[in-house]
Amino acid sequence: MSSIDNSPTDDIESEVLISVTELQRQLNDSLKQLSLERLQVLADFAAYLANVESEAATQELLAIPGLLERVKQNQTTSKAQYTNWRNLRSDV
C-alpha cells in the first residue's frame, strides 16, 4: 500500500475524466456514421447548447449586485492608476 491514499475527491475526478473520455469516444464513433446534413444539424445544436451555458453564466454574473457598474468603472480607470502586481509583493 502506498503512503499516499487517494481521496474521495480524486476518485470522483478520475471517474468524471473517464466518463468524459468515454462520452467523447462514443460521440466520435457516432459522428463517423452521420451524413453531412446530420453533422450540420449536430453542429448547430452543439453551438446552441454552448450558447445556453454561456448565457446562464452571464445571467449569474449580472445577478451580482453592482458588478456591472464596478466593471464599467474599472474600464474607465486610467491605466496609470494601476500598480503592477509584481511590485506589490515580491514574495508571491
PDB file of N, CA and C in Angstrom:
ATOM      1  N   MET A   1       0.846  -1.175   0.000  1.00  0.00           N
ATOM      2  CA  MET A   1       0.000   0.000   0.000  1.00  0.00           C
ATOM      3  C   MET A   1       0.888   1.234   0.000  1.00  0.00           C
ATOM      4  N   SER A   2       0.508   2.235  -0.799  1.00  0.00           N
ATOM      5  CA  SER A   2       1.332   3.438  -0.874  1.00  0.00           C
ATOM      6  C   SER A   2       1.077   4.319   0.333  1.00  0.00           C
ATOM      7  N   SER A   3       2.022   5.225   0.566  1.00  0.00           N
ATOM      8  CA  SER A   3       1.877   6.130   1.693  1.00  0.00           C
ATOM      9  C   SER A   3       0.878   7.245   1.392  1.00  0.00           C
ATOM     10  N   ILE A   4       0.511   7.393   0.116  1.00  0.00           N
ATOM     11  CA  ILE A   4      -0.452   8.413  -0.268  1.00  0.00           C
ATOM     12  C   ILE A   4      -1.728   7.708  -0.711  1.00  0.00           C
ATOM     13  N   ASP A   5      -2.803   7.906   0.039  1.00  0.00           N
ATOM     14  CA  ASP A   5      -4.084   7.314  -0.318  1.00  0.00           C
ATOM     15  C   ASP A   5      -4.851   8.275  -1.197  1.00  0.00           C
ATOM     16  N   ASN A   6      -5.593   7.717  -2.147  1.00  0.00           N
ATOM     17  CA  ASN A   6      -6.451   8.562  -2.978  1.00  0.00           C
ATOM     18  C   ASN A   6      -7.612   9.055  -2.146  1.00  0.00           C
ATOM     19  N   SER A   7      -7.868  10.343  -2.236  1.00  0.00           N
ATOM     20  CA  SER A   7      -9.004  10.909  -1.526  1.00  0.00           C
ATOM     21  C   SER A   7     -10.265  10.638  -2.336  1.00  0.00           C
ATOM     22  N   PRO A   8     -11.434  10.725  -1.711  1.00  0.00           N
ATOM     23  CA  PRO A   8     -12.683  10.552  -2.458  1.00  0.00           C
ATOM     24  C   PRO A   8     -12.806  11.548  -3.603  1.00  0.00           C
ATOM     25  N   THR A   9     -12.278  12.754  -3.414  1.00  0.00           N
ATOM     26  CA  THR A   9     -12.329  13.761  -4.472  1.00  0.00           C
ATOM     27  C   THR A   9     -11.527  13.307  -5.682  1.00  0.00           C
ATOM     28  N   ASP A  10     -10.353  12.718  -5.435  1.00  0.00           N
ATOM     29  CA  ASP A  10      -9.531  12.204  -6.535  1.00  0.00           C
ATOM     30  C   ASP A  10     -10.269  11.112  -7.291  1.00  0.00           C
ATOM     31  N   ASP A  11     -10.955  10.233  -6.555  1.00  0.00           N
ATOM     32  CA  ASP A  11     -11.706   9.154  -7.184  1.00  0.00           C
ATOM     33  C   ASP A  11     -12.828   9.705  -8.057  1.00  0.00           C
ATOM     34  N   ILE A  12     -13.532  10.713  -7.554  1.00  0.00           N
ATOM     35  CA  ILE A  12     -14.635  11.316  -8.308  1.00  0.00           C
ATOM     36  C   ILE A  12     -14.095  11.995  -9.556  1.00  0.00           C
ATOM     37  N   GLU A  13     -12.985  12.729  -9.417  1.00  0.00           N
ATOM     38  CA  GLU A  13     -12.387  13.395 -10.572  1.00  0.00           C
ATOM     39  C   GLU A  13     -11.945  12.381 -11.614  1.00  0.00           C
ATOM     40  N   SER A  14     -11.398  11.250 -11.179  1.00  0.00           N
ATOM     41  CA  SER A  14     -10.991  10.200 -12.107  1.00  0.00           C
ATOM     42  C   SER A  14     -12.192   9.621 -12.828  1.00  0.00           C
ATOM     43  N   GLU A  15     -13.287   9.396 -12.082  1.00  0.00           N
ATOM     44  CA  GLU A  15     -14.496   8.859 -12.693  1.00  0.00           C
ATOM     45  C   GLU A  15     -15.071   9.833 -13.711  1.00  0.00           C
ATOM     46  N   VAL A  16     -15.057  11.118 -13.394  1.00  0.00           N
ATOM     47  CA  VAL A  16     -15.568  12.121 -14.318  1.00  0.00           C
ATOM     48  C   VAL A  16     -14.706  12.152 -15.564  1.00  0.00           C
ATOM     49  N   LEU A  17     -13.394  12.107 -15.383  1.00  0.00           N
ATOM     50  CA  LEU A  17     -12.489  12.116 -16.528  1.00  0.00           C
ATOM     51  C   LEU A  17     -12.726  10.905 -17.414  1.00  0.00           C
ATOM     52  N   ILE A  18     -12.883   9.738 -16.820  1.00  0.00           N
ATOM     53  CA  ILE A  18     -13.153   8.528 -17.586  1.00  0.00           C
ATOM     54  C   ILE A  18     -14.493   8.660 -18.293  1.00  0.00           C
ATOM     55  N   SER A  19     -15.481   9.201 -17.599  1.00  0.00           N
ATOM     56  CA  SER A  19     -16.799   9.385 -18.178  1.00  0.00           C
ATOM     57  C   SER A  19     -16.730  10.334 -19.375  1.00  0.00           C
ATOM     58  N   VAL A  20     -16.018  11.452 -19.223  1.00  0.00           N
ATOM     59  CA  VAL A  20     -15.882  12.415 -20.318  1.00  0.00           C
ATOM     60  C   VAL A  20     -15.159  11.761 -21.489  1.00  0.00           C
ATOM     61  N   THR A  21     -14.098  11.053 -21.206  1.00  0.00           N
ATOM     62  CA  THR A  21     -13.333  10.385 -22.266  1.00  0.00           C
ATOM     63  C   THR A  21     -14.202   9.366 -22.990  1.00  0.00           C
ATOM     64  N   GLU A  22     -14.988   8.615 -22.237  1.00  0.00           N
ATOM     65  CA  GLU A  22     -15.868   7.607 -22.836  1.00  0.00           C
ATOM     66  C   GLU A  22     -16.953   8.277 -23.676  1.00  0.00           C
ATOM     67  N   LEU A  23     -17.527   9.349 -23.186  1.00  0.00           N
ATOM     68  CA  LEU A  23     -18.545  10.068 -23.961  1.00  0.00           C
ATOM     69  C   LEU A  23     -17.958  10.636 -25.248  1.00  0.00           C
ATOM     70  N   GLN A  24     -16.750  11.176 -25.158  1.00  0.00           N
ATOM     71  CA  GLN A  24     -16.105  11.706 -26.364  1.00  0.00           C
ATOM     72  C   GLN A  24     -15.846  10.587 -27.377  1.00  0.00           C
ATOM     73  N   ARG A  25     -15.448   9.426 -26.893  1.00  0.00           N
ATOM     74  CA  ARG A  25     -15.222   8.288 -27.792  1.00  0.00           C
ATOM     75  C   ARG A  25     -16.527   7.874 -28.462  1.00  0.00           C
ATOM     76  N   GLN A  26     -17.599   7.805 -27.668  1.00  0.00           N
ATOM     77  CA  GLN A  26     -18.906   7.433 -28.221  1.00  0.00           C
ATOM     78  C   GLN A  26     -19.372   8.451 -29.261  1.00  0.00           C
ATOM     79  N   LEU A  27     -19.177   9.731 -28.962  1.00  0.00           N
ATOM     80  CA  LEU A  27     -19.561  10.764 -29.919  1.00  0.00           C
ATOM     81  C   LEU A  27     -18.757  10.655 -31.213  1.00  0.00           C
ATOM     82  N   ASN A  28     -17.464  10.449 -31.074  1.00  0.00           N
ATOM     83  CA  ASN A  28     -16.628  10.312 -32.273  1.00  0.00           C
ATOM     84  C   ASN A  28     -17.058   9.127 -33.112  1.00  0.00           C
ATOM     85  N   ASP A  29     -17.401   8.012 -32.461  1.00  0.00           N
ATOM     86  CA  ASP A  29     -17.884   6.842 -33.201  1.00  0.00           C
ATOM     87  C   ASP A  29     -19.181   7.159 -33.940  1.00  0.00           C
ATOM     88  N   SER A  30     -20.077   7.880 -33.273  1.00  0.00           N
ATOM     89  CA  SER A  30     -21.355   8.244 -33.891  1.00  0.00           C
ATOM     90  C   SER A  30     -21.165   9.239 -35.024  1.00  0.00           C
ATOM     91  N   LEU A  31     -20.252  10.179 -34.847  1.00  0.00           N
ATOM     92  CA  LEU A  31     -20.005  11.191 -35.880  1.00  0.00           C
ATOM     93  C   LEU A  31     -19.598  10.559 -37.207  1.00  0.00           C
ATOM     94  N   LYS A  32     -18.837   9.503 -37.135  1.00  0.00           N
ATOM     95  CA  LYS A  32     -18.356   8.834 -38.348  1.00  0.00           C
ATOM     96  C   LYS A  32     -19.495   8.228 -39.163  1.00  0.00           C
ATOM     97  N   GLN A  33     -20.642   8.042 -38.530  1.00  0.00           N
ATOM     98  CA  GLN A  33     -21.769   7.401 -39.199  1.00  0.00           C
ATOM     99  C   GLN A  33     -22.790   8.398 -39.755  1.00  0.00           C
ATOM    100  N   LEU A  34     -22.612   9.685 -39.464  1.00  0.00           N
ATOM    101  CA  LEU A  34     -23.596  10.684 -39.857  1.00  0.00           C
ATOM    102  C   LEU A  34     -23.320  11.266 -41.239  1.00  0.00           C
ATOM    103  N   SER A  35     -24.419  11.600 -41.918  1.00  0.00           N
ATOM    104  CA  SER A  35     -24.308  12.277 -43.202  1.00  0.00           C
ATOM    105  C   SER A  35     -23.897  13.732 -42.955  1.00  0.00           C
ATOM    106  N   LEU A  36     -23.505  14.409 -44.024  1.00  0.00           N
ATOM    107  CA  LEU A  36     -23.113  15.810 -43.930  1.00  0.00           C
ATOM    108  C   LEU A  36     -24.264  16.648 -43.378  1.00  0.00           C
ATOM    109  N   GLU A  37     -25.477  16.367 -43.840  1.00  0.00           N
ATOM    110  CA  GLU A  37     -26.644  17.122 -43.368  1.00  0.00           C
ATOM    111  C   GLU A  37     -26.849  16.936 -41.866  1.00  0.00           C
ATOM    112  N   ARG A  38     -26.734  15.711 -41.393  1.00  0.00           N
ATOM    113  CA  ARG A  38     -26.908  15.445 -39.963  1.00  0.00           C
ATOM    114  C   ARG A  38     -25.761  16.039 -39.141  1.00  0.00           C
ATOM    115  N   LEU A  39     -24.556  16.046 -39.688  1.00  0.00           N
ATOM    116  CA  LEU A  39     -23.428  16.672 -38.997  1.00  0.00           C
ATOM    117  C   LEU A  39     -23.681  18.164 -38.809  1.00  0.00           C
ATOM    118  N   GLN A  40     -24.275  18.807 -39.824  1.00  0.00           N
ATOM    119  CA  GLN A  40     -24.585  20.235 -39.722  1.00  0.00           C
ATOM    120  C   GLN A  40     -25.631  20.480 -38.637  1.00  0.00           C
ATOM    121  N   VAL A  41     -26.648  19.615 -38.574  1.00  0.00           N
ATOM    122  CA  VAL A  41     -27.668  19.737 -37.540  1.00  0.00           C
ATOM    123  C   VAL A  41     -27.028  19.590 -36.167  1.00  0.00           C
ATOM    124  N   LEU A  42     -26.146  18.622 -36.025  1.00  0.00           N
ATOM    125  CA  LEU A  42     -25.471  18.386 -34.756  1.00  0.00           C
ATOM    126  C   LEU A  42     -24.570  19.564 -34.380  1.00  0.00           C
ATOM    127  N   ALA A  43     -23.866  20.122 -35.355  1.00  0.00           N
ATOM    128  CA  ALA A  43     -23.005  21.283 -35.090  1.00  0.00           C
ATOM    129  C   ALA A  43     -23.845  22.469 -34.639  1.00  0.00           C
ATOM    130  N   ASP A  44     -24.982  22.674 -35.275  1.00  0.00           N
ATOM    131  CA  ASP A  44     -25.878  23.764 -34.872  1.00  0.00           C
ATOM    132  C   ASP A  44     -26.395  23.548 -33.453  1.00  0.00           C
ATOM    133  N   PHE A  45     -26.756  22.321 -33.131  1.00  0.00           N
ATOM    134  CA  PHE A  45     -27.271  22.014 -31.800  1.00  0.00           C
ATOM    135  C   PHE A  45     -26.183  22.199 -30.743  1.00  0.00           C
ATOM    136  N   ALA A  46     -24.964  21.776 -31.044  1.00  0.00           N
ATOM    137  CA  ALA A  46     -23.848  21.945 -30.108  1.00  0.00           C
ATOM    138  C   ALA A  46     -23.588  23.443 -29.866  1.00  0.00           C
ATOM    139  N   ALA A  47     -23.656  24.235 -30.922  1.00  0.00           N
ATOM    140  CA  ALA A  47     -23.471  25.686 -30.775  1.00  0.00           C
ATOM    141  C   ALA A  47     -24.589  26.273 -29.918  1.00  0.00           C
ATOM    142  N   TYR A  48     -25.805  25.793 -30.107  1.00  0.00           N
ATOM    143  CA  TYR A  48     -26.937  26.244 -29.292  1.00  0.00           C
ATOM    144  C   TYR A  48     -26.703  25.909 -27.821  1.00  0.00           C
ATOM    145  N   LEU A  49     -26.296  24.682 -27.529  1.00  0.00           N
ATOM    146  CA  LEU A  49     -26.043  24.279 -26.142  1.00  0.00           C
ATOM    147  C   LEU A  49     -24.939  25.119 -25.502  1.00  0.00           C
ATOM    148  N   ALA A  50     -23.883  25.381 -26.261  1.00  0.00           N
ATOM    149  CA  ALA A  50     -22.789  26.206 -25.738  1.00  0.00           C
ATOM    150  C   ALA A  50     -23.285  27.614 -25.444  1.00  0.00           C
ATOM    151  N   ASN A  51     -24.140  28.140 -26.314  1.00  0.00           N
ATOM    152  CA  ASN A  51     -24.688  29.481 -26.114  1.00  0.00           C
ATOM    153  C   ASN A  51     -25.580  29.522 -24.878  1.00  0.00           C
ATOM    154  N   VAL A  52     -26.378  28.478 -24.660  1.00  0.00           N
ATOM    155  CA  VAL A  52     -27.254  28.423 -23.485  1.00  0.00           C
ATOM    156  C   VAL A  52     -26.424  28.423 -22.206  1.00  0.00           C
ATOM    157  N   GLU A  53     -25.344  27.652 -22.181  1.00  0.00           N
ATOM    158  CA  GLU A  53     -24.468  27.622 -20.995  1.00  0.00           C
ATOM    159  C   GLU A  53     -23.826  28.979 -20.770  1.00  0.00           C
ATOM    160  N   SER A  54     -23.370  29.598 -21.840  1.00  0.00           N
ATOM    161  CA  SER A  54     -22.744  30.910 -21.736  1.00  0.00           C
ATOM    162  C   SER A  54     -23.738  31.945 -21.231  1.00  0.00           C
ATOM    163  N   GLU A  55     -24.947  31.895 -21.751  1.00  0.00           N
ATOM    164  CA  GLU A  55     -25.979  32.847 -21.334  1.00  0.00           C
ATOM    165  C   GLU A  55     -26.325  32.658 -19.854  1.00  0.00           C
ATOM    166  N   ALA A  56     -26.391  31.412 -19.411  1.00  0.00           N
ATOM    167  CA  ALA A  56     -26.693  31.146 -17.997  1.00  0.00           C
ATOM    168  C   ALA A  56     -25.596  31.716 -17.107  1.00  0.00           C
ATOM    169  N   ALA A  57     -24.348  31.553 -17.522  1.00  0.00           N
ATOM    170  CA  ALA A  57     -23.230  32.083 -16.743  1.00  0.00           C
ATOM    171  C   ALA A  57     -23.274  33.614 -16.726  1.00  0.00           C
ATOM    172  N   THR A  58     -23.622  34.209 -17.858  1.00  0.00           N
ATOM    173  CA  THR A  58     -23.730  35.663 -17.933  1.00  0.00           C
ATOM    174  C   THR A  58     -24.820  36.170 -17.001  1.00  0.00           C
ATOM    175  N   GLN A  59     -25.964  35.510 -17.013  1.00  0.00           N
ATOM    176  CA  GLN A  59     -27.068  35.921 -16.146  1.00  0.00           C
ATOM    177  C   GLN A  59     -26.691  35.782 -14.672  1.00  0.00           C
ATOM    178  N   GLU A  60     -25.927  34.749 -14.351  1.00  0.00           N
ATOM    179  CA  GLU A  60     -25.470  34.562 -12.975  1.00  0.00           C
ATOM    180  C   GLU A  60     -24.572  35.725 -12.540  1.00  0.00           C
ATOM    181  N   LEU A  61     -23.684  36.151 -13.429  1.00  0.00           N
ATOM    182  CA  LEU A  61     -22.810  37.280 -13.113  1.00  0.00           C
ATOM    183  C   LEU A  61     -23.591  38.580 -13.009  1.00  0.00           C
ATOM    184  N   LEU A  62     -24.548  38.770 -13.915  1.00  0.00           N
ATOM    185  CA  LEU A  62     -25.341  40.001 -13.889  1.00  0.00           C
ATOM    186  C   LEU A  62     -26.220  40.100 -12.647  1.00  0.00           C
ATOM    187  N   ALA A  63     -26.494  38.967 -12.023  1.00  0.00           N
ATOM    188  CA  ALA A  63     -27.323  38.959 -10.815  1.00  0.00           C
ATOM    189  C   ALA A  63     -26.553  39.439  -9.583  1.00  0.00           C
ATOM    190  N   ILE A  64     -25.237  39.560  -9.689  1.00  0.00           N
ATOM    191  CA  ILE A  64     -24.430  40.053  -8.571  1.00  0.00           C
ATOM    192  C   ILE A  64     -24.625  41.562  -8.484  1.00  0.00           C
ATOM    193  N   PRO A  65     -25.164  42.031  -7.357  1.00  0.00           N
ATOM    194  CA  PRO A  65     -25.462  43.460  -7.228  1.00  0.00           C
ATOM    195  C   PRO A  65     -24.215  44.338  -7.421  1.00  0.00           C
ATOM    196  N   GLY A  66     -24.324  45.311  -8.324  1.00  0.00           N
ATOM    197  CA  GLY A  66     -23.256  46.286  -8.528  1.00  0.00           C
ATOM    198  C   GLY A  66     -22.082  45.817  -9.367  1.00  0.00           C
ATOM    199  N   LEU A  67     -22.075  44.556  -9.796  1.00  0.00           N
ATOM    200  CA  LEU A  67     -20.914  44.046 -10.535  1.00  0.00           C
ATOM    201  C   LEU A  67     -20.713  44.789 -11.855  1.00  0.00           C
ATOM    202  N   LEU A  68     -21.771  44.962 -12.615  1.00  0.00           N
ATOM    203  CA  LEU A  68     -21.649  45.618 -13.919  1.00  0.00           C
ATOM    204  C   LEU A  68     -21.129  47.048 -13.769  1.00  0.00           C
ATOM    205  N   GLU A  69     -21.621  47.756 -12.766  1.00  0.00           N
ATOM    206  CA  GLU A  69     -21.164  49.129 -12.534  1.00  0.00           C
ATOM    207  C   GLU A  69     -19.680  49.148 -12.169  1.00  0.00           C
ATOM    208  N   ARG A  70     -19.246  48.196 -11.335  1.00  0.00           N
ATOM    209  CA  ARG A  70     -17.825  48.139 -10.959  1.00  0.00           C
ATOM    210  C   ARG A  70     -16.944  47.826 -12.157  1.00  0.00           C
ATOM    211  N   VAL A  71     -17.402  46.938 -13.017  1.00  0.00           N
ATOM    212  CA  VAL A  71     -16.628  46.600 -14.219  1.00  0.00           C
ATOM    213  C   VAL A  71     -16.516  47.829 -15.113  1.00  0.00           C
ATOM    214  N   LYS A  72     -17.633  48.521 -15.317  1.00  0.00           N
ATOM    215  CA  LYS A  72     -17.603  49.731 -16.154  1.00  0.00           C
ATOM    216  C   LYS A  72     -16.681  50.789 -15.557  1.00  0.00           C
ATOM    217  N   GLN A  73     -16.736  50.947 -14.237  1.00  0.00           N
ATOM    218  CA  GLN A  73     -15.877  51.924 -13.573  1.00  0.00           C
ATOM    219  C   GLN A  73     -14.410  51.548 -13.756  1.00  0.00           C
ATOM    220  N   ASN A  74     -14.087  50.273 -13.623  1.00  0.00           N
ATOM    221  CA  ASN A  74     -12.700  49.830 -13.783  1.00  0.00           C
ATOM    222  C   ASN A  74     -12.218  50.009 -15.215  1.00  0.00           C
ATOM    223  N   GLN A  75     -13.132  49.887 -16.176  1.00  0.00           N
ATOM    224  CA  GLN A  75     -12.741  50.075 -17.573  1.00  0.00           C
ATOM    225  C   GLN A  75     -12.393  51.519 -17.868  1.00  0.00           C
ATOM    226  N   THR A  76     -12.989  52.448 -17.136  1.00  0.00           N
ATOM    227  CA  THR A  76     -12.712  53.868 -17.371  1.00  0.00           C
ATOM    228  C   THR A  76     -11.548  54.383 -16.530  1.00  0.00           C
ATOM    229  N   THR A  77     -11.023  53.547 -15.644  1.00  0.00           N
ATOM    230  CA  THR A  77      -9.904  53.944 -14.800  1.00  0.00           C
ATOM    231  C   THR A  77      -8.632  53.992 -15.646  1.00  0.00           C
ATOM    232  N   SER A  78      -7.896  55.056 -15.523  1.00  0.00           N
ATOM    233  CA  SER A  78      -6.646  55.215 -16.262  1.00  0.00           C
ATOM    234  C   SER A  78      -5.659  54.130 -15.859  1.00  0.00           C
ATOM    235  N   LYS A  79      -4.998  53.576 -16.825  1.00  0.00           N
ATOM    236  CA  LYS A  79      -4.007  52.523 -16.548  1.00  0.00           C
ATOM    237  C   LYS A  79      -2.859  53.047 -15.692  1.00  0.00           C
ATOM    238  N   ALA A  80      -2.636  54.342 -15.718  1.00  0.00           N
ATOM    239  CA  ALA A  80      -1.568  54.938 -14.906  1.00  0.00           C
ATOM    240  C   ALA A  80      -1.872  54.809 -13.418  1.00  0.00           C
ATOM    241  N   GLN A  81      -3.145  54.603 -13.082  1.00  0.00           N
ATOM    242  CA  GLN A  81      -3.526  54.471 -11.675  1.00  0.00           C
ATOM    243  C   GLN A  81      -3.308  53.053 -11.146  1.00  0.00           C
ATOM    244  N   TYR A  82      -3.008  52.122 -12.034  1.00  0.00           N
ATOM    245  CA  TYR A  82      -2.783  50.739 -11.615  1.00  0.00           C
ATOM    246  C   TYR A  82      -1.337  50.539 -11.187  1.00  0.00           C
ATOM    247  N   THR A  83      -1.130  49.573 -10.312  1.00  0.00           N
ATOM    248  CA  THR A  83       0.212  49.187  -9.895  1.00  0.00           C
ATOM    249  C   THR A  83       0.447  47.749 -10.322  1.00  0.00           C
ATOM    250  N   ASN A  84       1.594  47.490 -10.878  1.00  0.00           N
ATOM    251  CA  ASN A  84       1.946  46.140 -11.287  1.00  0.00           C
ATOM    252  C   ASN A  84       1.921  45.235 -10.062  1.00  0.00           C
ATOM    253  N   TRP A  85       1.249  44.101 -10.166  1.00  0.00           N
ATOM    254  CA  TRP A  85       1.110  43.198  -9.015  1.00  0.00           C
ATOM    255  C   TRP A  85       2.470  42.698  -8.531  1.00  0.00           C
ATOM    256  N   ARG A  86       3.443  42.621  -9.409  1.00  0.00           N
ATOM    257  CA  ARG A  86       4.768  42.151  -9.008  1.00  0.00           C
ATOM    258  C   ARG A  86       5.456  43.161  -8.069  1.00  0.00           C
ATOM    259  N   ASN A  87       5.069  44.419  -8.199  1.00  0.00           N
ATOM    260  CA  ASN A  87       5.653  45.456  -7.339  1.00  0.00           C
ATOM    261  C   ASN A  87       4.974  45.531  -5.984  1.00  0.00           C
ATOM    262  N   LEU A  88       3.784  44.958  -5.874  1.00  0.00           N
ATOM    263  CA  LEU A  88       3.058  44.999  -4.599  1.00  0.00           C
ATOM    264  C   LEU A  88       3.673  44.041  -3.587  1.00  0.00           C
ATOM    265  N   ARG A  89       3.947  42.827  -4.056  1.00  0.00           N
ATOM    266  CA  ARG A  89       4.519  41.806  -3.164  1.00  0.00           C
ATOM    267  C   ARG A  89       5.566  41.033  -3.963  1.00  0.00           C
ATOM    268  N   SER A  90       6.739  40.993  -3.468  1.00  0.00           N
ATOM    269  CA  SER A  90       7.795  40.270  -4.186  1.00  0.00           C
ATOM    270  C   SER A  90       7.862  38.808  -3.792  1.00  0.00           C
ATOM    271  N   ASP A  91       7.103  38.416  -2.752  1.00  0.00           N
ATOM    272  CA  ASP A  91       7.200  37.037  -2.277  1.00  0.00           C
ATOM    273  C   ASP A  91       6.088  36.139  -2.846  1.00  0.00           C
ATOM    274  N   VAL A  92       5.383  36.615  -3.855  1.00  0.00           N
ATOM    275  CA  VAL A  92       4.326  35.774  -4.436  1.00  0.00           C
ATOM    276  C   VAL A  92       4.625  35.435  -5.860  1.00  0.00           C
TER     277      VAL A  92
END
